[in-house]
N, C-alpha and C. Protein backbone atom coordinates (compact mmCIF):
# COMPACT_ATOMS: atom_id res chain seq x y z
N MET A 1 -26.23 21.72 -27.33
CA MET A 1 -25.89 22.76 -26.49
C MET A 1 -25.38 23.97 -26.53
N TYR A 2 -25.87 24.97 -26.09
CA TYR A 2 -25.47 26.24 -26.48
C TYR A 2 -23.96 26.48 -25.84
N VAL A 3 -23.42 27.06 -26.81
CA VAL A 3 -21.85 27.00 -26.35
C VAL A 3 -21.25 28.38 -27.13
N PRO A 4 -21.51 29.60 -26.33
CA PRO A 4 -20.99 30.77 -27.01
C PRO A 4 -19.21 30.49 -27.05
N SER A 5 -18.79 31.10 -28.25
CA SER A 5 -17.20 30.75 -28.45
C SER A 5 -16.14 30.64 -27.42
N HIS A 6 -16.41 31.97 -26.65
CA HIS A 6 -15.32 32.20 -25.31
C HIS A 6 -15.73 31.17 -24.13
N PHE A 7 -16.74 30.27 -24.31
CA PHE A 7 -16.72 29.25 -23.46
C PHE A 7 -16.42 27.59 -24.04
N ALA A 8 -16.39 27.76 -25.27
CA ALA A 8 -16.12 26.55 -25.76
C ALA A 8 -14.65 25.85 -25.63
N ILE A 9 -14.79 24.51 -25.45
CA ILE A 9 -13.63 23.60 -25.10
C ILE A 9 -13.17 23.04 -26.19
N THR A 10 -12.21 23.55 -27.10
CA THR A 10 -11.88 23.00 -28.48
C THR A 10 -10.52 21.99 -28.46
N GLN A 11 -9.74 22.04 -27.17
CA GLN A 11 -8.50 21.13 -27.05
C GLN A 11 -8.99 19.87 -26.82
N PRO A 12 -8.59 19.11 -27.76
CA PRO A 12 -8.82 17.31 -27.16
C PRO A 12 -8.12 16.98 -25.97
N GLY A 13 -7.21 17.44 -25.59
CA GLY A 13 -6.55 17.14 -24.32
C GLY A 13 -7.50 17.35 -23.04
N GLU A 14 -8.00 18.67 -23.26
CA GLU A 14 -8.79 19.33 -22.22
C GLU A 14 -10.28 18.56 -22.12
N LEU A 15 -10.84 18.22 -23.05
CA LEU A 15 -12.00 17.35 -23.10
C LEU A 15 -11.82 15.99 -22.55
N HIS A 16 -10.47 15.38 -22.91
CA HIS A 16 -10.43 13.99 -22.26
C HIS A 16 -10.14 14.07 -20.97
N ARG A 17 -9.39 15.13 -20.42
CA ARG A 17 -9.28 15.57 -18.93
C ARG A 17 -10.54 15.62 -18.14
N ILE A 18 -11.57 16.11 -18.53
CA ILE A 18 -12.97 16.31 -17.94
C ILE A 18 -13.56 14.74 -17.89
N LEU A 19 -13.49 14.14 -19.11
CA LEU A 19 -14.03 12.67 -19.05
C LEU A 19 -13.13 11.78 -18.11
N ARG A 20 -12.12 12.13 -18.19
CA ARG A 20 -11.12 11.00 -17.03
C ARG A 20 -11.62 11.53 -15.69
N ALA A 21 -11.58 12.72 -15.38
CA ALA A 21 -11.53 13.22 -14.01
C ALA A 21 -13.12 12.84 -13.41
N HIS A 22 -14.10 13.24 -14.37
CA HIS A 22 -15.34 12.81 -14.00
C HIS A 22 -15.98 11.55 -14.73
N PRO A 23 -15.61 10.54 -14.32
CA PRO A 23 -16.29 9.37 -15.25
C PRO A 23 -17.57 9.02 -14.97
N LEU A 24 -18.31 9.40 -14.19
CA LEU A 24 -19.66 9.21 -14.18
C LEU A 24 -20.65 10.16 -14.97
N GLY A 25 -21.11 9.30 -16.28
CA GLY A 25 -21.75 9.97 -17.17
C GLY A 25 -23.19 9.83 -17.19
N ILE A 26 -23.79 10.53 -17.66
CA ILE A 26 -25.42 10.37 -17.88
C ILE A 26 -25.72 9.98 -19.41
N LEU A 27 -25.98 8.56 -19.65
CA LEU A 27 -26.18 7.95 -20.79
C LEU A 27 -27.53 8.41 -21.03
N VAL A 28 -27.69 9.20 -22.12
CA VAL A 28 -29.21 9.81 -22.69
C VAL A 28 -29.72 9.10 -23.87
N THR A 29 -30.57 8.20 -23.97
CA THR A 29 -30.85 7.42 -25.12
C THR A 29 -32.56 7.67 -25.34
N GLN A 30 -32.83 7.40 -26.52
CA GLN A 30 -33.78 7.62 -27.03
C GLN A 30 -34.91 6.41 -27.20
N THR A 31 -35.88 6.14 -26.51
CA THR A 31 -36.68 4.97 -26.49
C THR A 31 -37.86 5.32 -26.87
N GLY A 32 -38.81 3.85 -27.04
CA GLY A 32 -40.17 4.21 -27.61
C GLY A 32 -40.97 4.89 -26.56
N GLY A 33 -40.65 4.83 -25.32
CA GLY A 33 -41.27 5.83 -24.50
C GLY A 33 -40.77 7.25 -24.12
N GLY A 34 -39.82 7.54 -25.02
CA GLY A 34 -39.12 8.92 -25.13
C GLY A 34 -37.62 8.89 -24.56
N LEU A 35 -37.23 9.91 -24.00
CA LEU A 35 -35.85 9.94 -23.44
C LEU A 35 -35.63 9.25 -22.15
N ASP A 36 -34.56 8.65 -22.37
CA ASP A 36 -33.97 7.99 -20.90
C ASP A 36 -32.67 8.17 -20.61
N ALA A 37 -32.57 8.47 -19.15
CA ALA A 37 -31.00 8.84 -18.67
C ALA A 37 -30.56 7.78 -17.69
N ASN A 38 -29.45 7.30 -17.71
CA ASN A 38 -28.79 6.51 -16.91
C ASN A 38 -27.37 7.06 -16.55
N HIS A 39 -27.24 7.00 -15.14
CA HIS A 39 -25.84 7.60 -14.51
C HIS A 39 -25.03 6.20 -14.21
N LEU A 40 -23.81 6.22 -15.06
CA LEU A 40 -23.16 5.06 -15.33
C LEU A 40 -21.67 5.57 -15.57
N PRO A 41 -20.53 4.80 -14.67
CA PRO A 41 -19.37 5.09 -14.76
C PRO A 41 -18.64 4.46 -16.14
N PHE A 42 -17.89 5.44 -16.68
CA PHE A 42 -17.10 4.85 -18.11
C PHE A 42 -15.88 5.26 -18.20
N GLU A 43 -15.04 4.11 -18.72
CA GLU A 43 -13.81 4.16 -19.11
C GLU A 43 -13.56 4.84 -20.54
N PHE A 44 -12.90 5.90 -20.59
CA PHE A 44 -12.63 6.53 -22.19
C PHE A 44 -11.15 5.91 -22.66
N ASP A 45 -11.10 5.40 -23.67
CA ASP A 45 -10.23 5.22 -24.54
C ASP A 45 -10.03 6.10 -25.62
N PRO A 46 -9.13 7.17 -25.74
CA PRO A 46 -8.98 7.95 -27.02
C PRO A 46 -8.42 7.45 -28.11
N ALA A 47 -7.83 6.22 -28.03
CA ALA A 47 -6.91 5.88 -28.87
C ALA A 47 -7.85 4.74 -29.94
N GLN A 48 -9.07 4.38 -29.53
CA GLN A 48 -9.96 3.35 -30.08
C GLN A 48 -10.87 4.32 -30.81
N GLY A 49 -10.81 4.16 -32.06
CA GLY A 49 -11.81 5.03 -33.04
C GLY A 49 -11.14 6.35 -33.28
N LEU A 50 -11.91 6.85 -33.98
CA LEU A 50 -11.27 8.19 -34.80
C LEU A 50 -11.45 9.26 -33.54
N LEU A 51 -12.64 9.35 -32.68
CA LEU A 51 -12.44 10.29 -31.33
C LEU A 51 -12.55 9.59 -30.05
N GLY A 52 -12.34 8.38 -30.16
CA GLY A 52 -12.21 7.54 -28.81
C GLY A 52 -13.62 6.81 -28.71
N THR A 53 -13.44 5.96 -27.58
CA THR A 53 -14.64 4.77 -27.24
C THR A 53 -14.88 4.98 -25.74
N LEU A 54 -15.92 4.83 -25.26
CA LEU A 54 -16.47 4.86 -24.12
C LEU A 54 -16.83 3.57 -23.59
N ILE A 55 -16.52 2.80 -22.88
CA ILE A 55 -16.69 1.59 -22.26
C ILE A 55 -17.69 1.57 -20.86
N GLY A 56 -18.31 0.71 -20.61
CA GLY A 56 -19.29 0.60 -19.21
C GLY A 56 -20.12 -0.59 -19.21
N HIS A 57 -20.95 -0.77 -18.56
CA HIS A 57 -21.86 -1.52 -18.01
C HIS A 57 -22.98 -1.01 -17.54
N VAL A 58 -24.12 -1.90 -17.86
CA VAL A 58 -25.49 -1.63 -17.06
C VAL A 58 -25.84 -2.82 -16.50
N ALA A 59 -26.90 -2.91 -15.35
CA ALA A 59 -27.31 -3.94 -14.81
C ALA A 59 -28.48 -4.71 -15.93
N ARG A 60 -28.21 -5.84 -15.83
CA ARG A 60 -29.03 -6.90 -16.98
C ARG A 60 -30.53 -6.54 -16.76
N ALA A 61 -31.08 -6.15 -15.44
CA ALA A 61 -32.08 -5.72 -15.31
C ALA A 61 -32.77 -4.40 -15.80
N ASN A 62 -31.70 -3.48 -16.11
CA ASN A 62 -32.25 -2.43 -16.57
C ASN A 62 -32.40 -2.49 -18.21
N PRO A 63 -33.50 -2.13 -18.63
CA PRO A 63 -34.09 -2.24 -20.17
C PRO A 63 -33.51 -1.33 -20.99
N VAL A 64 -32.36 -0.58 -20.48
CA VAL A 64 -31.66 0.32 -21.64
C VAL A 64 -31.16 -0.53 -22.57
N TRP A 65 -30.47 -1.45 -22.07
CA TRP A 65 -29.74 -2.40 -23.14
C TRP A 65 -30.59 -3.23 -24.23
N GLN A 66 -31.61 -3.39 -23.75
CA GLN A 66 -32.57 -4.13 -24.92
C GLN A 66 -33.36 -3.14 -25.72
N GLN A 67 -33.36 -1.81 -25.24
CA GLN A 67 -34.36 -0.78 -25.82
C GLN A 67 -33.57 -0.17 -26.96
N CYS A 68 -32.17 -0.08 -26.90
CA CYS A 68 -31.11 0.29 -27.95
C CYS A 68 -30.76 -0.41 -28.51
N ARG A 69 -31.19 -0.31 -29.82
CA ARG A 69 -30.42 -1.18 -31.09
C ARG A 69 -29.19 -0.64 -31.22
N ASN A 70 -28.26 -1.68 -31.42
CA ASN A 70 -26.80 -1.66 -31.92
C ASN A 70 -26.58 -0.62 -32.71
N GLY A 71 -26.00 0.51 -32.73
CA GLY A 71 -25.76 1.45 -33.70
C GLY A 71 -26.64 2.67 -33.20
N ALA A 72 -27.45 2.70 -32.20
CA ALA A 72 -28.40 3.70 -31.73
C ALA A 72 -27.64 5.04 -31.52
N GLU A 73 -28.06 6.31 -31.86
CA GLU A 73 -27.16 7.19 -31.50
C GLU A 73 -27.60 7.77 -30.32
N VAL A 74 -26.60 7.96 -29.38
CA VAL A 74 -26.80 8.36 -27.98
C VAL A 74 -25.86 9.45 -27.62
N MET A 75 -26.13 9.96 -26.48
CA MET A 75 -25.27 11.06 -26.04
C MET A 75 -24.81 10.57 -24.24
N VAL A 76 -23.75 10.92 -24.10
CA VAL A 76 -23.50 10.58 -22.44
C VAL A 76 -22.86 12.23 -22.00
N ILE A 77 -23.23 12.59 -21.13
CA ILE A 77 -23.07 13.86 -20.41
C ILE A 77 -22.18 13.76 -19.14
N PHE A 78 -20.89 14.33 -19.37
CA PHE A 78 -19.97 14.32 -18.21
C PHE A 78 -19.78 15.59 -17.73
N ARG A 79 -20.36 15.82 -16.17
CA ARG A 79 -20.20 16.97 -15.73
C ARG A 79 -19.09 17.23 -14.91
N GLY A 80 -18.29 18.24 -14.90
CA GLY A 80 -17.13 18.50 -14.63
C GLY A 80 -17.15 19.33 -13.24
N ALA A 81 -16.12 20.30 -12.94
CA ALA A 81 -16.35 20.95 -11.79
C ALA A 81 -17.34 22.20 -11.95
N GLU A 82 -18.06 22.39 -10.80
CA GLU A 82 -19.20 23.40 -10.85
C GLU A 82 -19.31 24.08 -9.45
N GLY A 83 -20.00 25.38 -9.51
CA GLY A 83 -20.32 25.89 -8.15
C GLY A 83 -21.00 27.18 -8.52
N TYR A 84 -21.66 27.56 -7.52
CA TYR A 84 -22.63 28.96 -7.65
C TYR A 84 -21.55 29.95 -7.31
N ILE A 85 -22.04 30.99 -7.94
CA ILE A 85 -21.10 32.08 -7.84
C ILE A 85 -21.94 33.23 -7.49
N SER A 86 -21.87 33.63 -6.25
CA SER A 86 -22.74 35.13 -5.76
C SER A 86 -22.26 36.34 -6.28
N PRO A 87 -22.96 37.30 -6.33
CA PRO A 87 -22.49 38.54 -6.92
C PRO A 87 -21.78 39.26 -6.03
N SER A 88 -21.81 38.94 -4.67
CA SER A 88 -20.82 39.48 -3.81
C SER A 88 -19.28 38.91 -3.99
N TRP A 89 -19.05 38.10 -4.71
CA TRP A 89 -17.81 37.51 -5.18
C TRP A 89 -17.22 38.84 -6.01
N TYR A 90 -17.83 39.40 -6.69
CA TYR A 90 -17.37 40.51 -7.59
C TYR A 90 -16.97 41.49 -7.00
N PRO A 91 -15.51 42.10 -6.88
CA PRO A 91 -15.44 43.09 -6.58
C PRO A 91 -16.21 44.42 -6.97
N SER A 92 -16.43 44.18 -8.41
CA SER A 92 -17.06 45.38 -9.26
C SER A 92 -18.59 45.65 -8.56
N LYS A 93 -19.32 44.63 -8.10
CA LYS A 93 -20.65 44.40 -7.64
C LYS A 93 -20.60 45.93 -6.31
N HIS A 94 -19.59 46.12 -5.79
CA HIS A 94 -19.42 47.06 -4.63
C HIS A 94 -19.32 48.58 -5.20
N GLU A 95 -18.98 48.70 -6.62
CA GLU A 95 -19.12 49.95 -7.28
C GLU A 95 -20.29 49.87 -7.91
N THR A 96 -20.56 49.11 -8.67
CA THR A 96 -21.76 49.42 -9.67
C THR A 96 -23.28 48.79 -9.17
N HIS A 97 -23.11 47.66 -8.49
CA HIS A 97 -24.17 47.27 -7.91
C HIS A 97 -25.07 46.60 -9.02
N ARG A 98 -24.46 46.26 -10.06
CA ARG A 98 -25.09 45.71 -11.42
C ARG A 98 -24.45 44.35 -11.50
N GLN A 99 -24.53 43.53 -10.66
CA GLN A 99 -24.00 41.91 -10.73
C GLN A 99 -25.17 41.17 -10.48
N VAL A 100 -25.58 39.74 -10.95
CA VAL A 100 -26.45 38.94 -10.67
C VAL A 100 -25.79 37.62 -10.38
N PRO A 101 -26.31 36.86 -9.51
CA PRO A 101 -25.47 35.43 -9.44
C PRO A 101 -25.44 34.69 -10.69
N THR A 102 -24.83 33.69 -10.69
CA THR A 102 -24.60 32.78 -11.81
C THR A 102 -23.97 31.33 -11.46
N TRP A 103 -23.92 30.61 -12.25
CA TRP A 103 -23.42 29.26 -12.04
C TRP A 103 -22.06 29.04 -13.02
N ASN A 104 -21.08 28.59 -12.45
CA ASN A 104 -19.77 28.27 -13.17
C ASN A 104 -19.74 26.88 -13.47
N TYR A 105 -19.10 26.48 -14.40
CA TYR A 105 -19.22 24.72 -14.58
C TYR A 105 -18.57 24.44 -16.01
N GLU A 106 -17.93 23.13 -15.95
CA GLU A 106 -17.20 22.27 -17.05
C GLU A 106 -18.18 21.40 -17.42
N VAL A 107 -18.47 20.98 -18.68
CA VAL A 107 -19.31 19.82 -19.13
C VAL A 107 -18.78 19.44 -20.60
N VAL A 108 -18.79 18.30 -20.48
CA VAL A 108 -18.59 17.62 -21.92
C VAL A 108 -19.72 16.78 -22.43
N HIS A 109 -20.19 16.60 -23.80
CA HIS A 109 -21.25 16.01 -24.21
C HIS A 109 -20.49 14.97 -25.25
N ALA A 110 -20.61 13.74 -25.02
CA ALA A 110 -20.00 12.61 -26.13
C ALA A 110 -21.10 11.98 -26.73
N HIS A 111 -21.03 12.55 -28.16
CA HIS A 111 -22.05 11.96 -28.71
C HIS A 111 -21.54 10.55 -29.85
N GLY A 112 -22.31 9.65 -29.80
CA GLY A 112 -21.75 8.39 -30.43
C GLY A 112 -22.91 7.36 -30.92
N HIS A 113 -22.36 6.21 -31.03
CA HIS A 113 -23.20 4.99 -31.38
C HIS A 113 -23.06 4.12 -30.53
N LEU A 114 -23.96 3.58 -30.05
CA LEU A 114 -23.91 2.50 -28.85
C LEU A 114 -23.93 1.04 -29.33
N THR A 115 -23.06 0.07 -28.55
CA THR A 115 -23.00 -1.11 -29.21
C THR A 115 -23.47 -1.78 -28.03
N VAL A 116 -24.28 -3.09 -27.73
CA VAL A 116 -24.43 -3.66 -26.46
C VAL A 116 -23.40 -4.90 -26.71
N ARG A 117 -22.82 -5.19 -25.55
CA ARG A 117 -21.65 -6.23 -25.70
C ARG A 117 -22.14 -7.26 -24.70
N ASP A 118 -22.96 -8.04 -24.84
CA ASP A 118 -23.37 -9.04 -24.15
C ASP A 118 -22.69 -10.33 -24.15
N ASP A 119 -21.42 -10.27 -23.65
CA ASP A 119 -20.24 -11.38 -23.90
C ASP A 119 -19.43 -11.35 -22.52
N GLU A 120 -19.26 -12.54 -21.61
CA GLU A 120 -18.75 -12.47 -20.70
C GLU A 120 -17.21 -11.98 -20.53
N LYS A 121 -16.27 -12.32 -21.66
CA LYS A 121 -15.15 -11.77 -21.95
C LYS A 121 -15.06 -10.20 -21.89
N PHE A 122 -15.85 -9.71 -22.54
CA PHE A 122 -15.83 -8.14 -22.65
C PHE A 122 -16.48 -7.56 -21.32
N VAL A 123 -17.39 -8.12 -20.67
CA VAL A 123 -17.75 -7.63 -19.20
C VAL A 123 -16.87 -7.74 -18.42
N ARG A 124 -15.92 -8.74 -18.01
CA ARG A 124 -14.83 -9.09 -17.40
C ARG A 124 -13.91 -8.04 -17.71
N GLY A 125 -13.53 -7.46 -18.81
CA GLY A 125 -12.50 -6.83 -19.20
C GLY A 125 -12.97 -5.33 -18.85
N VAL A 126 -14.14 -4.83 -18.99
CA VAL A 126 -14.65 -3.75 -18.53
C VAL A 126 -14.78 -3.46 -16.93
N VAL A 127 -15.12 -4.61 -16.31
CA VAL A 127 -15.23 -4.43 -14.79
C VAL A 127 -13.47 -4.43 -14.55
N ALA A 128 -12.75 -5.01 -15.06
CA ALA A 128 -11.30 -5.02 -14.51
C ALA A 128 -10.65 -3.71 -14.88
N ARG A 129 -10.98 -3.02 -15.87
CA ARG A 129 -10.33 -1.83 -16.15
C ARG A 129 -11.12 -0.79 -15.38
N LEU A 130 -12.38 -0.70 -15.33
CA LEU A 130 -12.76 0.29 -14.30
C LEU A 130 -12.42 0.07 -12.60
N THR A 131 -12.24 -1.00 -12.44
CA THR A 131 -11.56 -1.46 -11.11
C THR A 131 -10.47 -0.91 -11.07
N ARG A 132 -9.40 -1.38 -11.94
CA ARG A 132 -8.00 -0.77 -11.89
C ARG A 132 -7.95 0.56 -11.67
N THR A 133 -8.61 1.37 -12.64
CA THR A 133 -8.80 2.93 -12.85
C THR A 133 -9.10 3.54 -11.27
N HIS A 134 -10.18 2.85 -10.94
CA HIS A 134 -10.86 3.62 -9.72
C HIS A 134 -10.36 3.09 -8.33
N GLU A 135 -9.38 2.01 -8.30
CA GLU A 135 -8.82 1.80 -7.06
C GLU A 135 -7.52 2.14 -7.14
N ALA A 136 -6.83 2.77 -7.96
CA ALA A 136 -5.42 3.09 -8.00
C ALA A 136 -5.19 4.03 -7.20
N GLN A 137 -6.01 4.94 -6.48
CA GLN A 137 -5.63 5.75 -5.40
C GLN A 137 -5.75 5.17 -4.19
N GLU A 138 -6.52 3.96 -3.95
CA GLU A 138 -6.67 3.40 -2.75
C GLU A 138 -5.34 2.82 -2.18
N PRO A 139 -5.18 3.07 -0.75
CA PRO A 139 -3.92 2.48 -0.19
C PRO A 139 -3.74 0.97 -0.39
N LYS A 140 -4.73 0.12 -0.41
CA LYS A 140 -4.68 -1.20 -0.59
C LYS A 140 -5.79 -1.41 -1.80
N PRO A 141 -5.33 -1.15 -3.16
CA PRO A 141 -6.62 -1.39 -4.21
C PRO A 141 -6.88 -2.77 -4.02
N TRP A 142 -8.37 -2.75 -4.38
CA TRP A 142 -9.16 -4.07 -4.45
C TRP A 142 -8.84 -4.84 -5.89
N LYS A 143 -8.77 -6.01 -5.97
CA LYS A 143 -8.67 -6.63 -7.18
C LYS A 143 -9.84 -7.71 -7.25
N MET A 144 -10.32 -7.78 -8.59
CA MET A 144 -11.37 -8.66 -8.68
C MET A 144 -11.06 -10.25 -7.94
N SER A 145 -9.88 -10.46 -8.05
CA SER A 145 -9.42 -11.84 -7.46
C SER A 145 -9.63 -11.71 -5.75
N ASP A 146 -10.07 -10.59 -5.37
CA ASP A 146 -9.93 -10.58 -3.96
C ASP A 146 -11.08 -11.17 -3.49
N SER A 147 -12.14 -11.27 -4.18
CA SER A 147 -13.34 -12.05 -3.83
C SER A 147 -13.56 -13.20 -4.63
N ALA A 148 -14.21 -14.00 -3.85
CA ALA A 148 -14.42 -15.46 -4.36
C ALA A 148 -15.10 -15.60 -5.74
N PRO A 149 -14.31 -16.64 -6.45
CA PRO A 149 -14.57 -16.36 -7.94
C PRO A 149 -16.06 -16.64 -8.43
N ASN A 150 -16.95 -17.79 -7.54
CA ASN A 150 -18.24 -17.90 -7.91
C ASN A 150 -19.12 -16.54 -7.58
N TYR A 151 -18.71 -15.68 -6.78
CA TYR A 151 -19.42 -14.52 -6.40
C TYR A 151 -19.28 -13.61 -7.95
N ILE A 152 -17.83 -13.56 -8.00
CA ILE A 152 -17.38 -12.67 -9.56
C ILE A 152 -18.13 -12.91 -10.54
N ASP A 153 -18.10 -14.13 -10.66
CA ASP A 153 -19.02 -15.12 -11.73
C ASP A 153 -20.50 -14.58 -11.85
N ALA A 154 -21.13 -14.60 -10.70
CA ALA A 154 -22.42 -14.21 -10.36
C ALA A 154 -22.54 -12.74 -10.83
N MET A 155 -21.69 -11.93 -10.32
CA MET A 155 -21.93 -10.26 -10.79
C MET A 155 -21.74 -9.96 -12.05
N VAL A 156 -20.79 -10.89 -12.78
CA VAL A 156 -20.74 -10.66 -13.98
C VAL A 156 -21.66 -11.08 -15.11
N GLN A 157 -22.43 -12.20 -14.73
CA GLN A 157 -23.46 -12.56 -15.10
C GLN A 157 -24.96 -11.57 -15.10
N ALA A 158 -24.72 -10.60 -14.16
CA ALA A 158 -25.82 -9.75 -13.72
C ALA A 158 -25.56 -8.48 -14.47
N ILE A 159 -24.58 -8.44 -15.23
CA ILE A 159 -24.52 -7.16 -15.94
C ILE A 159 -24.08 -7.44 -17.63
N VAL A 160 -24.62 -6.14 -18.36
CA VAL A 160 -24.21 -6.43 -19.75
C VAL A 160 -23.25 -5.10 -19.95
N GLY A 161 -22.10 -5.34 -21.01
CA GLY A 161 -21.66 -4.41 -21.49
C GLY A 161 -21.82 -3.25 -22.60
N ILE A 162 -21.41 -2.15 -22.70
CA ILE A 162 -21.94 -1.38 -23.36
C ILE A 162 -20.58 -0.80 -23.93
N GLU A 163 -20.68 -0.54 -25.26
CA GLU A 163 -19.38 0.29 -25.97
C GLU A 163 -19.93 1.48 -26.73
N ILE A 164 -19.75 2.64 -26.68
CA ILE A 164 -19.93 3.69 -27.37
C ILE A 164 -18.74 4.26 -28.08
N THR A 165 -18.93 4.38 -29.60
CA THR A 165 -18.06 4.96 -30.44
C THR A 165 -18.19 6.41 -30.55
N VAL A 166 -17.56 7.53 -30.34
CA VAL A 166 -17.63 8.55 -30.14
C VAL A 166 -17.54 9.22 -31.58
N SER A 167 -18.58 9.99 -31.70
CA SER A 167 -18.65 10.64 -33.08
C SER A 167 -18.40 12.19 -33.04
N ARG A 168 -18.52 12.58 -31.62
CA ARG A 168 -18.20 14.26 -31.70
C ARG A 168 -18.24 14.38 -30.07
N LEU A 169 -17.13 15.24 -29.74
CA LEU A 169 -17.30 15.88 -28.50
C LEU A 169 -17.52 17.08 -28.37
N GLU A 170 -18.22 17.82 -27.64
CA GLU A 170 -18.60 19.06 -27.33
C GLU A 170 -18.28 19.26 -25.73
N GLY A 171 -17.62 20.57 -25.78
CA GLY A 171 -17.44 20.82 -24.51
C GLY A 171 -17.60 22.38 -23.96
N LYS A 172 -17.70 22.51 -22.86
CA LYS A 172 -18.03 24.02 -22.32
C LYS A 172 -17.44 24.05 -20.98
N ALA A 173 -16.67 25.13 -20.89
CA ALA A 173 -16.11 25.83 -19.73
C ALA A 173 -16.62 27.15 -19.56
N LYS A 174 -17.99 27.20 -18.82
CA LYS A 174 -18.35 28.44 -18.06
C LYS A 174 -17.63 28.86 -16.72
N LEU A 175 -16.50 29.59 -16.92
CA LEU A 175 -15.74 30.08 -15.85
C LEU A 175 -15.48 31.32 -15.70
N SER A 176 -16.67 31.89 -15.91
CA SER A 176 -16.83 33.60 -16.11
C SER A 176 -15.46 34.26 -16.91
N GLN A 177 -15.25 33.74 -18.06
CA GLN A 177 -14.50 34.31 -19.11
C GLN A 177 -14.82 35.66 -19.55
N ASN A 178 -16.07 35.80 -19.50
CA ASN A 178 -16.92 36.90 -20.02
C ASN A 178 -16.70 37.91 -18.85
N ARG A 179 -16.06 37.90 -17.63
CA ARG A 179 -15.89 38.98 -16.72
C ARG A 179 -14.75 39.38 -16.83
N GLU A 180 -14.49 40.78 -16.36
CA GLU A 180 -13.24 41.13 -16.41
C GLU A 180 -12.38 40.42 -15.07
N LEU A 181 -11.03 40.71 -15.36
CA LEU A 181 -10.05 39.97 -14.47
C LEU A 181 -10.25 39.80 -12.89
N ARG A 182 -10.53 41.11 -12.50
CA ARG A 182 -10.70 41.40 -10.90
C ARG A 182 -11.68 40.56 -10.54
N ASP A 183 -12.76 40.42 -11.42
CA ASP A 183 -14.20 39.71 -10.82
C ASP A 183 -13.94 38.26 -11.06
N ARG A 184 -13.18 37.80 -11.86
CA ARG A 184 -12.94 36.33 -11.87
C ARG A 184 -11.98 35.88 -10.83
N GLU A 185 -11.14 36.89 -10.37
CA GLU A 185 -10.16 36.53 -9.13
C GLU A 185 -10.90 36.52 -7.71
N GLY A 186 -12.11 37.30 -8.14
CA GLY A 186 -12.91 37.72 -6.53
C GLY A 186 -12.04 38.66 -6.01
């Protein structure tokens, strides 16, 4: 990813914040047919591994888990806050008439190595962690025990766990830092 130094996110805490706030990642893999992208929710554990670990799951029917050998190099893209910026937003536009539209955004690319975890205990753990994380804000959080055990068993059998050991985190926050303060504030 092209990252000018003034847009680079270098603080681990800020990279982790984006991963947690925007957990729907785009898993990019290389298969025999070329590049493949799958949109998946991930749980990030910064304490596991040198730079952290991403865990998630895919449908058993999704060929990605069979096409990627264990240890395959992958990338997961996490898109943070983003939005279109009209030239009309900039006070300087009215003076110079030399502004163009742009797009401000935050993004993190997590590079790492994928391990397929096709075991029930791991998959149940992933589902439980993702559920706890995303149900925490609900007035009455759903728990796996709220559904019939045989239904949960069938759902767990229909998915395969994945674990990505992160080897590099690359972040970009293009938030008009290259503009003068009055244009950033609008």
